[in-house]
Amino acid sequence: MIGAVLLQAVTADPDVEVISEAANAIFDVYSEDHLHVQALKQLALVDKLQAFVPVFVQKVCTATGTRCADTVDDECVPPLLAVCWR
């Protein structure tokens, strides 16, 4: 299943650009969620992506040489640059 491959790239690849592109592909493939309910549930895609947000933010901050905020708001994830500062 393409979703599993893309999810693996998002969660396992160390390169921020690869993660970003894989996440973008997931959003493209599953953007019409009412068409993919079974796949979304089977992969637990939403939960896994939500859990990965703090990790991704940390990777972006590290890659850009900025300092990360200690937490990321679970209800409303701010733009990545809002949680990083120089």
PDB file of N, CA and C in Angstrom:
ATOM      1  N   MET A   1       0.842  -1.174   0.000  1.00  0.00           N
ATOM      2  CA  MET A   1       0.000   0.000   0.000  1.00  0.00           C
ATOM      3  C   MET A   1       0.896   1.249   0.000  1.00  0.00           C
ATOM      4  N   ILE A   2       0.618   2.179  -0.861  1.00  0.00           N
ATOM      5  CA  ILE A   2       1.435   3.385  -1.005  1.00  0.00           C
ATOM      6  C   ILE A   2       1.493   4.187   0.293  1.00  0.00           C
ATOM      7  N   GLY A   3       0.406   4.203   1.041  1.00  0.00           N
ATOM      8  CA  GLY A   3       0.380   4.938   2.302  1.00  0.00           C
ATOM      9  C   GLY A   3       1.404   4.421   3.286  1.00  0.00           C
ATOM     10  N   ALA A   4       1.588   3.111   3.346  1.00  0.00           N
ATOM     11  CA  ALA A   4       2.571   2.515   4.253  1.00  0.00           C
ATOM     12  C   ALA A   4       3.988   2.904   3.857  1.00  0.00           C
ATOM     13  N   VAL A   5       4.259   2.926   2.570  1.00  0.00           N
ATOM     14  CA  VAL A   5       5.583   3.307   2.080  1.00  0.00           C
ATOM     15  C   VAL A   5       5.863   4.775   2.395  1.00  0.00           C
ATOM     16  N   LEU A   6       4.892   5.620   2.139  1.00  0.00           N
ATOM     17  CA  LEU A   6       5.061   7.050   2.409  1.00  0.00           C
ATOM     18  C   LEU A   6       5.180   7.323   3.915  1.00  0.00           C
ATOM     19  N   LEU A   7       4.378   6.626   4.709  1.00  0.00           N
ATOM     20  CA  LEU A   7       4.457   6.788   6.158  1.00  0.00           C
ATOM     21  C   LEU A   7       5.826   6.361   6.677  1.00  0.00           C
ATOM     22  N   GLN A   8       6.365   5.311   6.125  1.00  0.00           N
ATOM     23  CA  GLN A   8       7.705   4.857   6.498  1.00  0.00           C
ATOM     24  C   GLN A   8       8.743   5.932   6.182  1.00  0.00           C
ATOM     25  N   ALA A   9       8.615   6.562   5.025  1.00  0.00           N
ATOM     26  CA  ALA A   9       9.542   7.638   4.659  1.00  0.00           C
ATOM     27  C   ALA A   9       9.405   8.815   5.615  1.00  0.00           C
ATOM     28  N   VAL A  10       8.188   9.139   6.003  1.00  0.00           N
ATOM     29  CA  VAL A  10       7.967  10.260   6.915  1.00  0.00           C
ATOM     30  C   VAL A  10       8.591   9.985   8.275  1.00  0.00           C
ATOM     31  N   THR A  11       8.379   8.809   8.800  1.00  0.00           N
ATOM     32  CA  THR A  11       8.795   8.527  10.173  1.00  0.00           C
ATOM     33  C   THR A  11      10.213   7.995  10.314  1.00  0.00           C
ATOM     34  N   ALA A  12      10.819   7.502   9.242  1.00  0.00           N
ATOM     35  CA  ALA A  12      12.125   6.864   9.385  1.00  0.00           C
ATOM     36  C   ALA A  12      13.271   7.597   8.699  1.00  0.00           C
ATOM     37  N   ASP A  13      12.989   8.411   7.710  1.00  0.00           N
ATOM     38  CA  ASP A  13      14.067   9.068   6.980  1.00  0.00           C
ATOM     39  C   ASP A  13      14.631  10.229   7.796  1.00  0.00           C
ATOM     40  N   PRO A  14      15.938  10.363   7.848  1.00  0.00           N
ATOM     41  CA  PRO A  14      16.532  11.458   8.617  1.00  0.00           C
ATOM     42  C   PRO A  14      16.523  12.806   7.892  1.00  0.00           C
ATOM     43  N   ASP A  15      16.315  12.805   6.597  1.00  0.00           N
ATOM     44  CA  ASP A  15      16.385  14.023   5.798  1.00  0.00           C
ATOM     45  C   ASP A  15      15.055  14.785   5.837  1.00  0.00           C
ATOM     46  N   VAL A  16      15.102  16.031   6.293  1.00  0.00           N
ATOM     47  CA  VAL A  16      13.906  16.859   6.430  1.00  0.00           C
ATOM     48  C   VAL A  16      13.203  17.044   5.090  1.00  0.00           C
ATOM     49  N   GLU A  17      13.960  17.189   4.028  1.00  0.00           N
ATOM     50  CA  GLU A  17      13.335  17.382   2.707  1.00  0.00           C
ATOM     51  C   GLU A  17      12.589  16.131   2.254  1.00  0.00           C
ATOM     52  N   VAL A  18      13.151  14.959   2.513  1.00  0.00           N
ATOM     53  CA  VAL A  18      12.478  13.708   2.155  1.00  0.00           C
ATOM     54  C   VAL A  18      11.198  13.559   2.973  1.00  0.00           C
ATOM     55  N   ILE A  19      11.286  13.863   4.265  1.00  0.00           N
ATOM     56  CA  ILE A  19      10.115  13.792   5.142  1.00  0.00           C
ATOM     57  C   ILE A  19       9.022  14.730   4.636  1.00  0.00           C
ATOM     58  N   SER A  20       9.418  15.939   4.306  1.00  0.00           N
ATOM     59  CA  SER A  20       8.462  16.932   3.834  1.00  0.00           C
ATOM     60  C   SER A  20       7.786  16.488   2.540  1.00  0.00           C
ATOM     61  N   GLU A  21       8.556  15.973   1.617  1.00  0.00           N
ATOM     62  CA  GLU A  21       7.993  15.518   0.342  1.00  0.00           C
ATOM     63  C   GLU A  21       7.094  14.304   0.534  1.00  0.00           C
ATOM     64  N   ALA A  22       7.477  13.381   1.417  1.00  0.00           N
ATOM     65  CA  ALA A  22       6.649  12.204   1.673  1.00  0.00           C
ATOM     66  C   ALA A  22       5.339  12.618   2.349  1.00  0.00           C
ATOM     67  N   ALA A  23       5.412  13.549   3.299  1.00  0.00           N
ATOM     68  CA  ALA A  23       4.200  14.045   3.949  1.00  0.00           C
ATOM     69  C   ALA A  23       3.298  14.735   2.932  1.00  0.00           C
ATOM     70  N   ASN A  24       3.881  15.521   2.049  1.00  0.00           N
ATOM     71  CA  ASN A  24       3.108  16.186   1.004  1.00  0.00           C
ATOM     72  C   ASN A  24       2.413  15.158   0.110  1.00  0.00           C
ATOM     73  N   ALA A  25       3.121  14.086  -0.211  1.00  0.00           N
ATOM     74  CA  ALA A  25       2.519  13.031  -1.038  1.00  0.00           C
ATOM     75  C   ALA A  25       1.359  12.357  -0.304  1.00  0.00           C
ATOM     76  N   ILE A  26       1.509  12.153   0.999  1.00  0.00           N
ATOM     77  CA  ILE A  26       0.414  11.581   1.790  1.00  0.00           C
ATOM     78  C   ILE A  26      -0.803  12.491   1.723  1.00  0.00           C
ATOM     79  N   PHE A  27      -0.573  13.792   1.883  1.00  0.00           N
ATOM     80  CA  PHE A  27      -1.684  14.741   1.835  1.00  0.00           C
ATOM     81  C   PHE A  27      -2.342  14.730   0.462  1.00  0.00           C
ATOM     82  N   ASP A  28      -1.547  14.610  -0.585  1.00  0.00           N
ATOM     83  CA  ASP A  28      -2.106  14.550  -1.936  1.00  0.00           C
ATOM     84  C   ASP A  28      -2.942  13.284  -2.141  1.00  0.00           C
ATOM     85  N   VAL A  29      -2.402  12.153  -1.722  1.00  0.00           N
ATOM     86  CA  VAL A  29      -3.079  10.876  -1.934  1.00  0.00           C
ATOM     87  C   VAL A  29      -4.350  10.765  -1.107  1.00  0.00           C
ATOM     88  N   TYR A  30      -4.282  11.214   0.147  1.00  0.00           N
ATOM     89  CA  TYR A  30      -5.407  11.008   1.064  1.00  0.00           C
ATOM     90  C   TYR A  30      -6.220  12.270   1.354  1.00  0.00           C
ATOM     91  N   SER A  31      -6.091  13.272   0.522  1.00  0.00           N
ATOM     92  CA  SER A  31      -6.788  14.534   0.780  1.00  0.00           C
ATOM     93  C   SER A  31      -8.312  14.396   0.750  1.00  0.00           C
ATOM     94  N   GLU A  32      -8.810  13.477  -0.010  1.00  0.00           N
ATOM     95  CA  GLU A  32     -10.248  13.196  -0.036  1.00  0.00           C
ATOM     96  C   GLU A  32     -10.502  12.039   0.921  1.00  0.00           C
ATOM     97  N   ASP A  33     -10.437  12.336   2.238  1.00  0.00           N
ATOM     98  CA  ASP A  33     -10.472  11.273   3.233  1.00  0.00           C
ATOM     99  C   ASP A  33     -11.737  10.423   3.199  1.00  0.00           C
ATOM    100  N   HIS A  34     -12.830  10.971   2.725  1.00  0.00           N
ATOM    101  CA  HIS A  34     -14.044  10.158   2.648  1.00  0.00           C
ATOM    102  C   HIS A  34     -13.903   9.032   1.617  1.00  0.00           C
ATOM    103  N   LEU A  35     -12.921   9.134   0.735  1.00  0.00           N
ATOM    104  CA  LEU A  35     -12.668   8.081  -0.250  1.00  0.00           C
ATOM    105  C   LEU A  35     -11.709   7.013   0.283  1.00  0.00           C
ATOM    106  N   HIS A  36     -11.021   7.332   1.380  1.00  0.00           N
ATOM    107  CA  HIS A  36      -9.952   6.460   1.872  1.00  0.00           C
ATOM    108  C   HIS A  36     -10.114   6.097   3.345  1.00  0.00           C
ATOM    109  N   VAL A  37     -11.324   6.052   3.832  1.00  0.00           N
ATOM    110  CA  VAL A  37     -11.569   5.820   5.255  1.00  0.00           C
ATOM    111  C   VAL A  37     -10.910   4.525   5.724  1.00  0.00           C
ATOM    112  N   GLN A  38     -11.091   3.454   4.984  1.00  0.00           N
ATOM    113  CA  GLN A  38     -10.528   2.162   5.384  1.00  0.00           C
ATOM    114  C   GLN A  38      -9.001   2.212   5.457  1.00  0.00           C
ATOM    115  N   ALA A  39      -8.368   2.801   4.468  1.00  0.00           N
ATOM    116  CA  ALA A  39      -6.907   2.885   4.467  1.00  0.00           C
ATOM    117  C   ALA A  39      -6.408   3.764   5.609  1.00  0.00           C
ATOM    118  N   LEU A  40      -7.094   4.871   5.864  1.00  0.00           N
ATOM    119  CA  LEU A  40      -6.705   5.760   6.961  1.00  0.00           C
ATOM    120  C   LEU A  40      -6.788   5.035   8.299  1.00  0.00           C
ATOM    121  N   LYS A  41      -7.842   4.261   8.486  1.00  0.00           N
ATOM    122  CA  LYS A  41      -8.002   3.499   9.734  1.00  0.00           C
ATOM    123  C   LYS A  41      -6.971   2.380   9.826  1.00  0.00           C
ATOM    124  N   GLN A  42      -6.788   1.654   8.749  1.00  0.00           N
ATOM    125  CA  GLN A  42      -5.867   0.519   8.744  1.00  0.00           C
ATOM    126  C   GLN A  42      -4.441   0.959   9.068  1.00  0.00           C
ATOM    127  N   LEU A  43      -4.030   2.081   8.529  1.00  0.00           N
ATOM    128  CA  LEU A  43      -2.670   2.584   8.764  1.00  0.00           C
ATOM    129  C   LEU A  43      -2.560   3.420  10.033  1.00  0.00           C
ATOM    130  N   ALA A  44      -3.695   3.785  10.622  1.00  0.00           N
ATOM    131  CA  ALA A  44      -3.719   4.721  11.761  1.00  0.00           C
ATOM    132  C   ALA A  44      -2.925   5.972  11.371  1.00  0.00           C
ATOM    133  N   LEU A  45      -3.157   6.395  10.150  1.00  0.00           N
ATOM    134  CA  LEU A  45      -2.359   7.457   9.540  1.00  0.00           C
ATOM    135  C   LEU A  45      -2.429   8.778  10.295  1.00  0.00           C
ATOM    136  N   VAL A  46      -3.614   9.192  10.658  1.00  0.00           N
ATOM    137  CA  VAL A  46      -3.758  10.478  11.341  1.00  0.00           C
ATOM    138  C   VAL A  46      -3.039  10.458  12.687  1.00  0.00           C
ATOM    139  N   ASP A  47      -3.234   9.406  13.462  1.00  0.00           N
ATOM    140  CA  ASP A  47      -2.582   9.308  14.773  1.00  0.00           C
ATOM    141  C   ASP A  47      -1.062   9.288  14.650  1.00  0.00           C
ATOM    142  N   LYS A  48      -0.560   8.543  13.681  1.00  0.00           N
ATOM    143  CA  LYS A  48       0.895   8.449  13.503  1.00  0.00           C
ATOM    144  C   LYS A  48       1.488   9.778  13.047  1.00  0.00           C
ATOM    145  N   LEU A  49       0.783  10.478  12.155  1.00  0.00           N
ATOM    146  CA  LEU A  49       1.283  11.782  11.715  1.00  0.00           C
ATOM    147  C   LEU A  49       1.233  12.805  12.845  1.00  0.00           C
ATOM    148  N   GLN A  50       0.165  12.782  13.641  1.00  0.00           N
ATOM    149  CA  GLN A  50       0.077  13.698  14.780  1.00  0.00           C
ATOM    150  C   GLN A  50       1.200  13.439  15.775  1.00  0.00           C
ATOM    151  N   ALA A  51       1.490  12.186  16.040  1.00  0.00           N
ATOM    152  CA  ALA A  51       2.556  11.839  16.984  1.00  0.00           C
ATOM    153  C   ALA A  51       3.922  12.252  16.453  1.00  0.00           C
ATOM    154  N   PHE A  52       4.054  12.320  15.138  1.00  0.00           N
ATOM    155  CA  PHE A  52       5.347  12.650  14.528  1.00  0.00           C
ATOM    156  C   PHE A  52       5.605  14.152  14.458  1.00  0.00           C
ATOM    157  N   VAL A  53       4.599  14.976  14.615  1.00  0.00           N
ATOM    158  CA  VAL A  53       4.770  16.430  14.482  1.00  0.00           C
ATOM    159  C   VAL A  53       5.889  16.970  15.368  1.00  0.00           C
ATOM    160  N   PRO A  54       5.937  16.667  16.673  1.00  0.00           N
ATOM    161  CA  PRO A  54       7.032  17.208  17.491  1.00  0.00           C
ATOM    162  C   PRO A  54       8.414  16.761  17.015  1.00  0.00           C
ATOM    163  N   VAL A  55       8.512  15.528  16.538  1.00  0.00           N
ATOM    164  CA  VAL A  55       9.784  15.021  16.011  1.00  0.00           C
ATOM    165  C   VAL A  55      10.180  15.809  14.766  1.00  0.00           C
ATOM    166  N   PHE A  56       9.213  16.047  13.891  1.00  0.00           N
ATOM    167  CA  PHE A  56       9.481  16.793  12.663  1.00  0.00           C
ATOM    168  C   PHE A  56       9.902  18.222  12.968  1.00  0.00           C
ATOM    169  N   VAL A  57       9.214  18.848  13.907  1.00  0.00           N
ATOM    170  CA  VAL A  57       9.567  20.217  14.293  1.00  0.00           C
ATOM    171  C   VAL A  57      11.012  20.250  14.791  1.00  0.00           C
ATOM    172  N   GLN A  58      11.382  19.290  15.623  1.00  0.00           N
ATOM    173  CA  GLN A  58      12.755  19.226  16.132  1.00  0.00           C
ATOM    174  C   GLN A  58      13.752  19.059  14.982  1.00  0.00           C
ATOM    175  N   LYS A  59      13.434  18.202  14.027  1.00  0.00           N
ATOM    176  CA  LYS A  59      14.318  17.980  12.882  1.00  0.00           C
ATOM    177  C   LYS A  59      14.462  19.248  12.038  1.00  0.00           C
ATOM    178  N   VAL A  60      13.364  19.977  11.847  1.00  0.00           N
ATOM    179  CA  VAL A  60      13.415  21.222  11.075  1.00  0.00           C
ATOM    180  C   VAL A  60      14.284  22.245  11.806  1.00  0.00           C
ATOM    181  N   CYS A  61      14.071  22.365  13.085  1.00  0.00           N
ATOM    182  CA  CYS A  61      14.865  23.325  13.859  1.00  0.00           C
ATOM    183  C   CYS A  61      16.347  22.962  13.825  1.00  0.00           C
ATOM    184  N   THR A  62      16.655  21.689  13.948  1.00  0.00           N
ATOM    185  CA  THR A  62      18.040  21.241  13.877  1.00  0.00           C
ATOM    186  C   THR A  62      18.628  21.516  12.493  1.00  0.00           C
ATOM    187  N   ALA A  63      17.857  21.216  11.459  1.00  0.00           N
ATOM    188  CA  ALA A  63      18.342  21.415  10.092  1.00  0.00           C
ATOM    189  C   ALA A  63      18.549  22.887   9.755  1.00  0.00           C
ATOM    190  N   THR A  64      17.746  23.752  10.360  1.00  0.00           N
ATOM    191  CA  THR A  64      17.861  25.181  10.064  1.00  0.00           C
ATOM    192  C   THR A  64      18.745  25.920  11.053  1.00  0.00           C
ATOM    193  N   GLY A  65      19.240  25.193  12.061  1.00  0.00           N
ATOM    194  CA  GLY A  65      20.117  25.821  13.041  1.00  0.00           C
ATOM    195  C   GLY A  65      19.390  26.760  13.983  1.00  0.00           C
ATOM    196  N   THR A  66      18.118  26.505  14.195  1.00  0.00           N
ATOM    197  CA  THR A  66      17.328  27.328  15.102  1.00  0.00           C
ATOM    198  C   THR A  66      17.032  26.545  16.369  1.00  0.00           C
ATOM    199  N   ARG A  67      16.586  27.260  17.369  1.00  0.00           N
ATOM    200  CA  ARG A  67      16.247  26.635  18.640  1.00  0.00           C
ATOM    201  C   ARG A  67      14.742  26.369  18.680  1.00  0.00           C
ATOM    202  N   CYS A  68      14.362  25.198  19.159  1.00  0.00           N
ATOM    203  CA  CYS A  68      12.950  24.822  19.177  1.00  0.00           C
ATOM    204  C   CYS A  68      12.300  25.153  20.504  1.00  0.00           C
ATOM    205  N   ALA A  69      11.029  25.476  20.420  1.00  0.00           N
ATOM    206  CA  ALA A  69      10.227  25.629  21.629  1.00  0.00           C
ATOM    207  C   ALA A  69      10.116  24.262  22.300  1.00  0.00           C
ATOM    208  N   ASP A  70       9.838  24.256  23.583  1.00  0.00           N
ATOM    209  CA  ASP A  70       9.772  23.000  24.326  1.00  0.00           C
ATOM    210  C   ASP A  70       8.567  22.148  23.962  1.00  0.00           C
ATOM    211  N   THR A  71       7.481  22.789  23.551  1.00  0.00           N
ATOM    212  CA  THR A  71       6.277  22.022  23.246  1.00  0.00           C
ATOM    213  C   THR A  71       5.659  22.507  21.940  1.00  0.00           C
ATOM    214  N   VAL A  72       4.863  21.648  21.387  1.00  0.00           N
ATOM    215  CA  VAL A  72       4.072  21.984  20.212  1.00  0.00           C
ATOM    216  C   VAL A  72       2.620  21.799  20.618  1.00  0.00           C
ATOM    217  N   ASP A  73       1.816  22.813  20.394  1.00  0.00           N
ATOM    218  CA  ASP A  73       0.407  22.764  20.767  1.00  0.00           C
ATOM    219  C   ASP A  73      -0.289  21.643  19.999  1.00  0.00           C
ATOM    220  N   ASP A  74      -0.889  20.689  20.727  1.00  0.00           N
ATOM    221  CA  ASP A  74      -1.552  19.551  20.094  1.00  0.00           C
ATOM    222  C   ASP A  74      -2.799  19.946  19.322  1.00  0.00           C
ATOM    223  N   GLU A  75      -3.491  20.978  19.765  1.00  0.00           N
ATOM    224  CA  GLU A  75      -4.758  21.338  19.128  1.00  0.00           C
ATOM    225  C   GLU A  75      -4.573  22.153  17.864  1.00  0.00           C
ATOM    226  N   CYS A  76      -3.564  22.970  17.842  1.00  0.00           N
ATOM    227  CA  CYS A  76      -3.343  23.830  16.683  1.00  0.00           C
ATOM    228  C   CYS A  76      -1.846  23.933  16.456  1.00  0.00           C
ATOM    229  N   VAL A  77      -1.343  23.129  15.563  1.00  0.00           N
ATOM    230  CA  VAL A  77       0.086  23.130  15.299  1.00  0.00           C
ATOM    231  C   VAL A  77       0.435  24.408  14.547  1.00  0.00           C
ATOM    232  N   PRO A  78       1.262  25.264  15.162  1.00  0.00           N
ATOM    233  CA  PRO A  78       1.622  26.514  14.506  1.00  0.00           C
ATOM    234  C   PRO A  78       2.559  26.268  13.331  1.00  0.00           C
ATOM    235  N   PRO A  79       2.711  27.249  12.466  1.00  0.00           N
ATOM    236  CA  PRO A  79       3.708  27.090  11.408  1.00  0.00           C
ATOM    237  C   PRO A  79       5.057  26.768  12.019  1.00  0.00           C
ATOM    238  N   LEU A  80       5.833  25.953  11.347  1.00  0.00           N
ATOM    239  CA  LEU A  80       7.092  25.492  11.915  1.00  0.00           C
ATOM    240  C   LEU A  80       8.012  26.627  12.350  1.00  0.00           C
ATOM    241  N   LEU A  81       8.036  27.683  11.599  1.00  0.00           N
ATOM    242  CA  LEU A  81       8.924  28.782  11.970  1.00  0.00           C
ATOM    243  C   LEU A  81       8.484  29.483  13.241  1.00  0.00           C
ATOM    244  N   ALA A  82       7.221  29.327  13.614  1.00  0.00           N
ATOM    245  CA  ALA A  82       6.733  29.959  14.837  1.00  0.00           C
ATOM    246  C   ALA A  82       7.252  29.242  16.080  1.00  0.00           C
ATOM    247  N   VAL A  83       7.664  27.989  15.946  1.00  0.00           N
ATOM    248  CA  VAL A  83       8.175  27.263  17.106  1.00  0.00           C
ATOM    249  C   VAL A  83       9.689  27.199  17.120  1.00  0.00           C
ATOM    250  N   CYS A  84      10.313  27.814  16.160  1.00  0.00           N
ATOM    251  CA  CYS A  84      11.776  27.872  16.105  1.00  0.00           C
ATOM    252  C   CYS A  84      12.214  29.322  16.104  1.00  0.00           C
ATOM    253  N   TRP A  85      13.300  29.585  16.724  1.00  0.00           N
ATOM    254  CA  TRP A  85      13.847  30.935  16.695  1.00  0.00           C
ATOM    255  C   TRP A  85      15.356  30.864  16.675  1.00  0.00           C
ATOM    256  N   ARG A  86      15.981  31.925  16.234  1.00  0.00           N
ATOM    257  CA  ARG A  86      17.446  31.954  16.113  1.00  0.00           C
ATOM    258  C   ARG A  86      18.083  32.345  17.411  1.00  0.00           C
TER     259      ARG A  86
END
